[in-house]
Amino acid sequence: MNVLFVYSLQDYESCEKPLQTLGQIQFGISYISSYLKAHEHNTRLLVLTRATKDSVIDKYLETFRPELICFTAVATEFDFILDRARYIKSRYKHAFLIIGGVHVSLNPDDSILDVFDALCIGEGEIPTLELVRQLEKRTSPSGIANLWIKQGNKIEKNPTAPFLKDIDSLPFPDREMWFDWVSNVSTRCYILLARGCPFNCTYCCNHALRKLSKGSYVRMRSPENIITELEEIIKKIPNVKEVYLEVETFGANMAWAIDLCSALAAFNKKNDNSLSYGVNLRITPNGKYEELFSAMKESSFSYINIGLESGSERVRREILRRNYSNQNIIDAVELARTYGLKVCFYNLIGIPGETFEDFKETIRMNRINLPDWHYLSIFFPYPGTDLYFLCKEKGLLKQDLNPGMERRQSVLDLHGFSRKQIQKGFIWFDYYAFKGYLPLHKILARVFVNKLHSSYYLNRLYRFFTRYRIFRSLKQFFKSY
């Protein structure tokens, strides 16, 4: 059977090549695609942007002629995907349309099936294959775990199956499906090390996803399986230099992490092109990282991402459910640098319950630790998360969520941290945090970019111009800062 996957994004490199690197691929549909290919089905990918013309969609439908079309959408892409699915359904009536992903899994609703023929809650590899098998038999799909299926005027709501226990049994994600959509295939690659997260951060989806099915939610791939995927990657993408190891936290299972480091060190020794690695590390109270950082140094890790989020211990403990002290962060950063690891911080501001004094603590922690680079976001209440429900309960959602300004404009006006203060803090964050430590022209360049991205109209104008090759060098100039 021919199966088409549809993915969309707002920030894109160009209309023809919307993704800049393979680091931007979506793992969910990539795994489902490879699973279907392993069972001798044909798959293809369509990446949509706000500039994609209807004629491009028509071309894919007419040339590939899919019998099943699979959509995925995060919360901020859902309305756009819904609109595009309506268009496809109107032009290609015989195809079966299904949607999945985190947003649909956490917010399933009967109205979704006004447009789609089915929706998937939770993991999609096995349900999608079973759906394909039933469609091939020309029968009305029924009785498939994880799926809500439209049956005339009724909806069949099947229970979810237990989480897939052995994720090593899955074929590696289908990266080739993305090649036509990526401007630079060879620079950087991502590997998914595990599924699930042992922590319960209130702003994240993991605490809610864990409740969808029975069985173990946190599952790690074996080091042997990960190395085999690395070997496949360098055969298909021989010029790759850096691999980001995607996992919620590398330190959740310390023995497993150290075993993987040993396997990566051995892998690099036998290959002419030694790869460098980066990974995410959740700091925990009394975490002992010396052995881990030593192993990471030996296996060519170059950096770690640390979620500082708020610099306020009160906000982390009472609101975010992240129970580590500022001293834990400082000690981990200092130790990482003794082993030659660079450090990136994730900073989050505008959190419900945060005050301006809490924000100043975030600035202070950045000035103390001076991360080599950082990511800054304004809190966005994703539907289905605990903090979303808290915002609704406290009446903080007084305006519609603007998906076009996700994490760049404040949707909350807090008692101790006004929307105006949050926006100013976002724009001037680098000046407050790194004044006196970084060259002023670099700081002001970042301030300018934050100002650009935090304005709806300036951001749209920026996106419009950077679609064109002549302006792309300007985009790369600002990214270099």
Protein backbone atom coordinates (compact mmCIF):
# COMPACT_ATOMS: atom_id res chain seq x y z
CA MET A 1 0.00 0.00 0.00
CA ASN A 2 1.08 3.58 -0.64
CA VAL A 3 1.14 5.59 2.60
CA LEU A 4 1.74 9.33 2.66
CA PHE A 5 2.97 11.12 5.81
CA VAL A 6 2.18 14.82 6.25
CA TYR A 7 4.24 17.05 8.53
CA SER A 8 4.20 20.84 8.93
CA LEU A 9 6.33 23.57 10.47
CA GLN A 10 6.27 27.36 10.78
CA ASP A 11 9.99 28.22 10.78
CA TYR A 12 11.54 26.97 7.60
CA GLU A 13 14.67 27.38 5.52
CA SER A 14 12.95 27.77 2.14
CA CYS A 15 9.79 26.62 0.40
CA GLU A 16 11.64 23.84 -1.44
CA LYS A 17 13.93 22.79 1.44
CA PRO A 18 12.08 23.78 4.63
CA LEU A 19 14.37 21.90 7.04
CA GLN A 20 17.95 23.04 7.54
CA THR A 21 19.39 19.78 8.94
CA LEU A 22 18.37 16.23 9.78
CA GLY A 23 18.23 17.38 13.39
CA GLN A 24 14.74 18.72 12.65
CA ILE A 25 13.14 15.44 11.59
CA GLN A 26 10.11 14.16 13.49
CA PHE A 27 10.92 10.77 15.00
CA GLY A 28 7.34 9.54 15.44
CA ILE A 29 6.42 9.34 11.76
CA SER A 30 10.00 8.34 10.86
CA TYR A 31 9.70 5.19 12.97
CA ILE A 32 6.22 4.39 11.66
CA SER A 33 7.46 4.82 8.08
CA SER A 34 10.40 2.44 8.57
CA TYR A 35 8.09 -0.05 10.30
CA LEU A 36 5.74 -0.02 7.32
CA LYS A 37 8.64 -0.31 4.87
CA ALA A 38 9.94 -3.33 6.79
CA HIS A 39 6.56 -4.91 6.03
CA GLU A 40 6.88 -4.09 2.30
CA HIS A 41 4.68 -0.99 2.09
CA ASN A 42 5.59 2.18 0.21
CA THR A 43 5.86 5.46 2.10
CA ARG A 44 6.47 9.06 1.15
CA LEU A 45 6.66 12.37 3.02
CA LEU A 46 5.04 15.74 2.35
CA VAL A 47 6.33 18.69 4.41
CA LEU A 48 3.97 21.66 4.50
CA THR A 49 4.70 25.27 5.36
CA ARG A 50 2.38 28.27 5.41
CA ALA A 51 3.68 29.06 1.91
CA THR A 52 2.98 25.63 0.39
CA LYS A 53 0.63 26.01 -2.56
CA ASP A 54 -2.38 23.79 -3.11
CA SER A 55 -0.86 22.72 -6.43
CA VAL A 56 2.09 21.14 -4.58
CA ILE A 57 -0.29 19.11 -2.45
CA ASP A 58 -2.28 18.12 -5.55
CA LYS A 59 0.89 16.94 -7.26
CA TYR A 60 1.77 14.60 -4.40
CA LEU A 61 -1.73 13.18 -4.31
CA GLU A 62 -1.87 12.64 -8.05
CA THR A 63 1.59 11.13 -8.52
CA PHE A 64 1.85 8.96 -5.38
CA ARG A 65 -1.87 8.13 -5.06
CA PRO A 66 -1.81 7.14 -1.38
CA GLU A 67 -4.58 5.00 0.08
CA LEU A 68 -3.65 6.03 3.61
CA ILE A 69 -2.55 9.54 4.63
CA CYS A 70 -1.01 9.95 8.11
CA PHE A 71 -0.85 13.38 9.75
CA THR A 72 0.95 14.48 12.88
CA ALA A 73 0.74 17.81 14.70
CA VAL A 74 1.93 19.45 17.88
CA ALA A 75 -0.50 21.82 19.59
CA THR A 76 0.64 24.90 17.68
CA GLU A 77 0.38 23.15 14.30
CA PHE A 78 -2.94 21.42 14.89
CA ASP A 79 -5.29 24.06 13.43
CA PHE A 80 -3.11 24.40 10.32
CA ILE A 81 -2.98 20.63 9.79
CA LEU A 82 -6.74 20.43 10.33
CA ASP A 83 -7.27 22.98 7.56
CA ARG A 84 -4.92 21.17 5.17
CA ALA A 85 -6.58 17.83 5.95
CA ARG A 86 -9.97 19.33 5.05
CA TYR A 87 -8.53 20.41 1.71
CA ILE A 88 -7.02 16.98 1.02
CA LYS A 89 -10.24 15.22 2.00
CA SER A 90 -12.22 17.40 -0.38
CA ARG A 91 -9.90 16.62 -3.30
CA TYR A 92 -8.99 13.02 -2.57
CA LYS A 93 -12.10 11.44 -1.14
CA HIS A 94 -11.12 7.78 -1.40
CA ALA A 95 -8.06 8.07 0.88
CA PHE A 96 -8.25 7.13 4.58
CA LEU A 97 -6.99 9.96 6.82
CA ILE A 98 -5.53 9.40 10.29
CA ILE A 99 -3.89 11.82 12.72
CA GLY A 100 -1.65 11.16 15.71
CA GLY A 101 1.04 12.82 17.78
CA VAL A 102 1.33 14.25 21.27
CA HIS A 103 -1.41 16.87 20.96
CA VAL A 104 -4.04 14.44 19.70
CA SER A 105 -2.95 11.78 22.21
CA LEU A 106 -3.46 14.16 25.14
CA ASN A 107 -6.53 15.91 23.74
CA PRO A 108 -8.58 13.35 21.77
CA ASP A 109 -11.98 14.68 20.80
CA ASP A 110 -14.91 13.40 18.75
CA SER A 111 -14.86 16.57 16.63
CA ILE A 112 -11.43 15.64 15.23
CA LEU A 113 -13.18 12.82 13.38
CA ASP A 114 -15.33 15.34 11.52
CA VAL A 115 -12.27 15.66 9.29
CA PHE A 116 -10.20 12.52 9.88
CA ASP A 117 -11.30 8.90 9.61
CA ALA A 118 -9.29 7.86 12.67
CA LEU A 119 -7.03 9.23 15.37
CA CYS A 120 -4.18 7.48 17.17
CA ILE A 121 -3.53 7.77 20.91
CA GLY A 122 0.01 6.87 21.96
CA GLU A 123 2.56 4.85 20.02
CA GLY A 124 1.68 4.34 16.38
CA GLU A 125 3.84 1.67 14.75
CA ILE A 126 1.72 -1.42 15.44
CA PRO A 127 -1.69 0.29 15.13
CA THR A 128 -0.76 1.84 11.76
CA LEU A 129 0.44 -1.48 10.36
CA GLU A 130 -2.77 -3.18 11.48
CA LEU A 131 -4.79 -0.36 9.91
CA VAL A 132 -2.93 -0.86 6.61
CA ARG A 133 -3.60 -4.59 6.70
CA GLN A 134 -7.32 -4.08 7.22
CA LEU A 135 -7.54 -1.41 4.52
CA GLU A 136 -5.81 -3.77 2.10
CA LYS A 137 -8.59 -6.30 2.68
CA ARG A 138 -11.11 -3.59 1.74
CA THR A 139 -12.86 -4.01 5.08
CA SER A 140 -14.02 -1.25 7.38
CA PRO A 141 -11.21 -0.90 9.97
CA SER A 142 -12.22 -2.02 13.45
CA GLY A 143 -10.86 -3.32 16.75
CA ILE A 144 -7.41 -1.72 16.48
CA ALA A 145 -5.82 -0.82 19.82
CA ASN A 146 -4.88 2.86 20.25
CA LEU A 147 -7.27 4.00 17.49
CA TRP A 148 -10.53 5.90 17.56
CA ILE A 149 -12.22 5.03 14.27
CA LYS A 150 -15.19 6.71 12.63
CA GLN A 151 -17.91 4.18 11.87
CA GLY A 152 -20.67 6.06 10.07
CA ASN A 153 -22.32 8.28 12.67
CA LYS A 154 -20.58 6.51 15.54
CA ILE A 155 -17.00 6.44 16.83
CA GLU A 156 -15.31 3.21 17.87
CA LYS A 157 -13.00 4.08 20.76
CA ASN A 158 -10.54 1.24 21.23
CA PRO A 159 -8.43 0.97 24.40
CA THR A 160 -4.68 1.58 24.25
CA ALA A 161 -2.24 -1.32 24.11
CA PRO A 162 0.62 -1.52 26.62
CA PHE A 163 3.73 0.47 25.77
CA LEU A 164 6.01 -1.38 23.37
CA LYS A 165 8.41 -3.22 25.66
CA ASP A 166 11.38 -3.94 23.39
CA ILE A 167 12.18 -0.81 21.38
CA ASP A 168 15.32 -2.51 20.03
CA SER A 169 12.90 -4.57 17.92
CA LEU A 170 11.93 -1.53 15.87
CA PRO A 171 13.74 -0.76 12.60
CA PHE A 172 15.77 2.43 12.64
CA PRO A 173 13.87 5.62 11.78
CA ASP A 174 13.39 6.41 8.11
CA ARG A 175 15.77 9.32 7.51
CA GLU A 176 15.74 8.94 3.74
CA MET A 177 12.12 10.17 3.61
CA TRP A 178 13.42 13.57 4.78
CA PHE A 179 16.35 13.96 2.37
CA ASP A 180 14.35 15.84 -0.28
CA TRP A 181 13.22 18.35 2.34
CA VAL A 182 16.57 19.14 4.04
CA SER A 183 18.97 21.80 2.73
CA ASN A 184 22.05 20.28 4.39
CA VAL A 185 21.86 16.53 4.93
CA SER A 186 25.42 15.89 6.05
CA THR A 187 26.19 18.27 8.92
CA ARG A 188 24.39 16.93 11.96
CA CYS A 189 22.26 13.94 12.81
CA TYR A 190 20.04 12.92 15.73
CA ILE A 191 19.58 9.46 17.28
CA LEU A 192 16.77 8.64 19.69
CA LEU A 193 18.25 6.72 22.64
CA ALA A 194 15.10 5.98 24.60
CA ARG A 195 11.39 6.52 24.96
CA GLY A 196 9.78 8.12 27.98
CA CYS A 197 11.02 10.15 30.92
CA PRO A 198 11.18 9.24 34.63
CA PHE A 199 10.44 12.80 35.76
CA ASN A 200 7.15 14.69 36.13
CA CYS A 201 7.81 18.29 35.10
CA THR A 202 4.49 20.13 35.05
CA TYR A 203 5.12 22.04 31.80
CA CYS A 204 6.07 18.90 29.86
CA CYS A 205 3.88 16.23 28.25
CA ASN A 206 5.65 13.19 29.71
CA HIS A 207 3.70 13.08 32.97
CA ALA A 208 0.48 12.88 30.91
CA LEU A 209 1.75 10.50 28.21
CA ARG A 210 2.80 8.02 30.92
CA LYS A 211 -0.88 7.58 31.85
CA LEU A 212 -2.01 6.60 28.35
CA SER A 213 -1.03 2.93 28.53
CA LYS A 214 0.07 0.20 30.88
CA GLY A 215 3.60 -1.13 31.12
CA SER A 216 6.98 0.54 31.47
CA TYR A 217 6.96 4.05 30.02
CA VAL A 218 10.73 4.63 30.26
CA ARG A 219 12.58 2.29 27.89
CA MET A 220 16.23 2.49 26.93
CA ARG A 221 17.74 1.09 23.75
CA SER A 222 20.73 -1.20 24.17
CA PRO A 223 24.17 0.29 23.43
CA GLU A 224 24.65 -2.41 20.76
CA ASN A 225 21.48 -1.37 18.95
CA ILE A 226 22.49 2.32 19.07
CA ILE A 227 25.95 1.56 17.67
CA THR A 228 24.41 -0.45 14.82
CA GLU A 229 22.28 2.58 13.91
CA LEU A 230 25.39 4.80 14.01
CA GLU A 231 27.13 2.44 11.60
CA GLU A 232 24.16 2.66 9.25
CA ILE A 233 24.16 6.47 9.45
CA ILE A 234 27.82 6.90 8.46
CA LYS A 235 27.31 4.53 5.52
CA LYS A 236 24.39 6.59 4.22
CA ILE A 237 25.68 10.01 5.34
CA PRO A 238 29.49 9.64 5.29
CA ASN A 239 30.21 13.32 5.93
CA VAL A 240 28.30 13.58 9.20
CA LYS A 241 30.48 15.08 11.94
CA GLU A 242 28.19 15.46 14.94
CA VAL A 243 25.43 13.32 16.40
CA TYR A 244 23.01 14.57 19.01
CA LEU A 245 21.86 11.75 21.26
CA GLU A 246 18.20 12.51 21.92
CA VAL A 247 17.02 11.41 25.36
CA GLU A 248 15.07 13.14 28.11
CA THR A 249 18.02 12.79 30.46
CA PHE A 250 21.28 10.93 30.00
CA GLY A 251 21.71 10.37 33.73
CA ALA A 252 18.42 8.58 34.45
CA ASN A 253 20.22 5.23 34.33
CA MET A 254 23.86 5.88 35.14
CA ALA A 255 25.12 2.35 34.47
CA TRP A 256 23.45 2.31 31.05
CA ALA A 257 24.88 5.76 30.19
CA ILE A 258 28.43 4.73 31.09
CA ASP A 259 28.09 1.49 29.10
CA LEU A 260 26.93 3.53 26.10
CA CYS A 261 29.91 5.87 26.49
CA SER A 262 32.26 2.87 26.35
CA ALA A 263 30.54 1.61 23.22
CA LEU A 264 30.78 5.06 21.58
CA ALA A 265 34.50 5.30 22.43
CA ALA A 266 35.12 1.90 20.83
CA PHE A 267 33.05 2.91 17.79
CA ASN A 268 35.08 6.10 17.28
CA LYS A 269 38.39 4.26 17.58
CA LYS A 270 37.60 1.91 14.71
CA ASN A 271 36.28 4.63 12.38
CA ASP A 272 38.37 7.08 10.37
CA ASN A 273 35.84 9.86 10.94
CA SER A 274 35.52 10.30 14.69
CA LEU A 275 32.12 11.69 15.65
CA SER A 276 31.41 14.19 18.40
CA TYR A 277 28.30 13.98 20.55
CA GLY A 278 25.92 16.12 22.55
CA VAL A 279 23.19 15.08 24.97
CA ASN A 280 20.65 16.37 27.48
CA LEU A 281 21.35 15.93 31.21
CA ARG A 282 18.78 16.52 33.95
CA ILE A 283 20.55 17.58 37.15
CA THR A 284 19.35 15.80 40.29
CA PRO A 285 20.02 16.42 43.99
CA ASN A 286 23.22 14.73 45.14
CA GLY A 287 23.93 13.61 41.58
CA LYS A 288 27.40 12.08 41.22
CA TYR A 289 28.62 12.93 37.75
CA GLU A 290 32.40 12.51 37.88
CA GLU A 291 32.45 8.97 36.49
CA LEU A 292 29.89 9.88 33.84
CA PHE A 293 31.72 13.03 32.70
CA SER A 294 34.99 11.13 32.57
CA ALA A 295 33.39 8.47 30.37
CA MET A 296 31.84 11.18 28.18
CA LYS A 297 35.23 12.83 27.67
CA GLU A 298 36.74 9.51 26.56
CA SER A 299 33.91 8.98 24.06
CA SER A 300 34.19 12.43 22.38
CA PHE A 301 31.20 14.21 23.88
CA SER A 302 31.62 17.92 23.27
CA TYR A 303 28.68 19.40 25.20
CA ILE A 304 25.70 18.82 27.46
CA ASN A 305 22.33 20.58 27.54
CA ILE A 306 21.12 21.41 31.05
CA GLY A 307 17.57 22.52 31.79
CA LEU A 308 18.06 25.29 34.30
CA GLU A 309 14.56 26.53 33.42
CA SER A 310 13.99 29.00 36.26
CA GLY A 311 16.90 30.16 38.41
CA SER A 312 14.47 30.36 41.32
CA GLU A 313 14.56 27.28 43.53
CA ARG A 314 11.04 28.11 44.71
CA VAL A 315 9.63 28.14 41.17
CA ARG A 316 11.38 24.90 40.26
CA ARG A 317 10.31 23.12 43.45
CA GLU A 318 6.75 24.41 43.92
CA ILE A 319 5.62 24.97 40.32
CA LEU A 320 7.76 22.96 37.90
CA ARG A 321 8.43 19.85 40.05
CA ARG A 322 12.17 20.09 39.43
CA ASN A 323 13.83 19.42 42.78
CA TYR A 324 17.49 20.42 42.55
CA SER A 325 19.29 23.34 44.11
CA ASN A 326 21.19 26.12 42.43
CA GLN A 327 24.33 24.74 44.02
CA ASN A 328 23.64 21.38 42.33
CA ILE A 329 23.63 23.22 38.99
CA ILE A 330 26.79 25.22 39.76
CA ASP A 331 28.69 22.11 40.88
CA ALA A 332 27.63 20.12 37.79
CA VAL A 333 28.63 22.91 35.39
CA GLU A 334 32.02 23.34 37.07
CA LEU A 335 32.67 19.60 36.99
CA ALA A 336 31.59 19.28 33.35
CA ARG A 337 34.07 21.93 32.32
CA THR A 338 36.94 20.21 34.08
CA TYR A 339 36.28 17.34 31.65
CA GLY A 340 36.21 19.63 28.62
CA LEU A 341 32.44 19.63 28.15
CA LYS A 342 30.72 22.79 26.98
CA VAL A 343 27.42 23.64 28.64
CA CYS A 344 24.16 24.88 27.19
CA PHE A 345 21.31 26.16 29.38
CA TYR A 346 17.59 25.99 28.71
CA ASN A 347 15.95 29.06 30.27
CA LEU A 348 12.20 29.46 30.74
CA ILE A 349 10.49 32.69 31.84
CA GLY A 350 6.89 33.84 32.29
CA ILE A 351 5.97 30.74 34.31
CA PRO A 352 2.65 30.92 36.20
CA GLY A 353 3.47 31.97 39.78
CA GLU A 354 6.83 33.49 38.78
CA THR A 355 7.69 36.98 40.04
CA PHE A 356 10.13 39.56 38.75
CA GLU A 357 12.44 38.61 41.64
CA ASP A 358 12.36 34.99 40.43
CA PHE A 359 13.30 36.21 36.95
CA LYS A 360 16.30 38.02 38.40
CA GLU A 361 17.39 34.71 39.94
CA THR A 362 17.43 33.20 36.42
CA ILE A 363 19.62 36.08 35.27
CA ARG A 364 21.89 35.61 38.29
CA MET A 365 22.35 31.89 37.62
CA ASN A 366 23.30 32.58 34.01
CA ARG A 367 25.84 35.19 35.11
CA ILE A 368 27.37 32.77 37.62
CA ASN A 369 27.59 29.82 35.23
CA LEU A 370 28.09 31.65 31.90
CA PRO A 371 26.77 28.86 29.66
CA ASP A 372 28.55 28.54 26.32
CA TRP A 373 25.18 29.10 24.67
CA HIS A 374 21.60 29.04 25.78
CA TYR A 375 18.01 28.70 24.60
CA LEU A 376 15.44 31.14 25.95
CA SER A 377 11.69 30.57 25.87
CA ILE A 378 8.59 32.22 27.25
CA PHE A 379 6.28 29.73 28.93
CA PHE A 380 3.55 28.41 26.61
CA PRO A 381 0.69 26.42 28.20
CA TYR A 382 0.44 23.29 26.08
CA PRO A 383 -3.03 21.69 26.32
CA GLY A 384 -2.95 18.44 28.29
CA THR A 385 -0.11 19.40 30.64
CA ASP A 386 -0.52 20.06 34.35
CA LEU A 387 0.51 23.70 34.01
CA TYR A 388 -2.10 24.23 31.29
CA PHE A 389 -4.82 23.03 33.65
CA LEU A 390 -3.38 25.21 36.44
CA CYS A 391 -3.55 28.26 34.15
CA LYS A 392 -7.18 27.49 33.33
CA GLU A 393 -8.03 26.92 36.98
CA LYS A 394 -6.55 30.26 38.01
CA GLY A 395 -8.12 32.14 35.11
CA LEU A 396 -4.77 33.10 33.59
CA LEU A 397 -5.72 32.26 29.98
CA LYS A 398 -7.50 35.50 29.13
CA GLN A 399 -6.60 35.48 25.44
CA ASP A 400 -6.46 32.94 22.66
CA LEU A 401 -3.17 31.13 22.34
CA ASN A 402 -1.28 32.44 19.30
CA PRO A 403 0.53 29.46 17.75
CA GLY A 404 2.53 31.76 15.50
CA MET A 405 4.29 33.29 18.51
CA GLU A 406 4.80 30.15 20.56
CA ARG A 407 7.45 30.69 23.27
CA ARG A 408 8.17 34.21 21.97
CA GLN A 409 5.22 36.19 23.31
CA SER A 410 3.77 35.94 26.76
CA VAL A 411 0.19 34.68 26.97
CA LEU A 412 0.10 35.29 30.73
CA ASP A 413 -0.12 38.57 32.65
CA LEU A 414 1.13 37.55 36.09
CA HIS A 415 0.53 39.41 39.34
CA GLY A 416 4.23 39.60 40.18
CA PHE A 417 5.59 39.57 36.63
CA SER A 418 3.51 41.51 34.10
CA ARG A 419 3.25 40.64 30.43
CA LYS A 420 5.19 43.82 29.63
CA GLN A 421 7.98 42.82 32.03
CA ILE A 422 8.08 39.28 30.63
CA GLN A 423 8.39 40.57 27.07
CA LYS A 424 11.11 43.04 28.04
CA GLY A 425 12.93 40.27 29.93
CA PHE A 426 12.81 38.07 26.83
CA ILE A 427 14.18 40.76 24.53
CA TRP A 428 16.93 42.01 26.86
CA PHE A 429 17.82 38.70 28.49
CA ASP A 430 21.31 38.45 26.96
CA TYR A 431 22.14 42.01 27.97
CA TYR A 432 21.13 41.38 31.58
CA ALA A 433 22.84 37.98 31.78
CA PHE A 434 26.07 38.49 29.84
CA LYS A 435 26.88 42.20 29.98
CA GLY A 436 30.57 42.53 30.83
CA TYR A 437 31.31 38.93 29.80
CA LEU A 438 30.55 38.94 26.07
CA PRO A 439 31.37 41.57 23.43
CA LEU A 440 28.67 44.23 23.41
CA HIS A 441 28.05 43.93 19.65
CA LYS A 442 27.24 40.22 20.05
CA ILE A 443 24.89 40.91 22.92
CA LEU A 444 23.08 43.64 20.98
CA ALA A 445 22.77 41.37 17.95
CA ARG A 446 20.97 38.82 20.14
CA VAL A 447 18.77 41.54 21.60
CA PHE A 448 17.84 42.57 18.05
CA VAL A 449 16.96 38.98 17.07
CA ASN A 450 14.83 38.52 20.19
CA LYS A 451 13.03 41.77 19.42
CA LEU A 452 12.46 40.63 15.85
CA HIS A 453 11.07 37.24 16.88
CA SER A 454 8.88 38.62 19.67
CA SER A 455 6.96 40.94 17.33
CA TYR A 456 4.25 39.18 15.31
CA TYR A 457 4.56 41.48 12.29
CA LEU A 458 8.36 41.77 12.31
CA ASN A 459 8.64 38.00 12.68
CA ARG A 460 6.31 37.43 9.71
CA LEU A 461 8.34 39.91 7.66
CA TYR A 462 11.57 38.16 8.66
CA ARG A 463 10.14 34.76 7.68
CA PHE A 464 8.94 36.16 4.34
CA PHE A 465 12.30 37.60 3.32
CA THR A 466 14.43 34.67 4.50
CA ARG A 467 12.55 32.33 2.17
CA TYR A 468 14.63 33.86 -0.61
CA ARG A 469 18.23 32.93 -1.24
CA ILE A 470 19.41 36.52 -1.45
CA PHE A 471 18.41 37.14 2.18
CA ARG A 472 19.52 33.79 3.59
CA SER A 473 23.02 35.06 4.38
CA LEU A 474 21.40 37.61 6.71
CA LYS A 475 19.70 34.77 8.55
CA GLN A 476 22.98 32.89 8.93
CA PHE A 477 24.69 36.08 10.15
CA PHE A 478 22.29 36.43 13.07
CA LYS A 479 22.40 32.69 13.81
CA SER A 480 26.18 32.96 14.21
CA TYR A 481 25.56 35.09 17.30
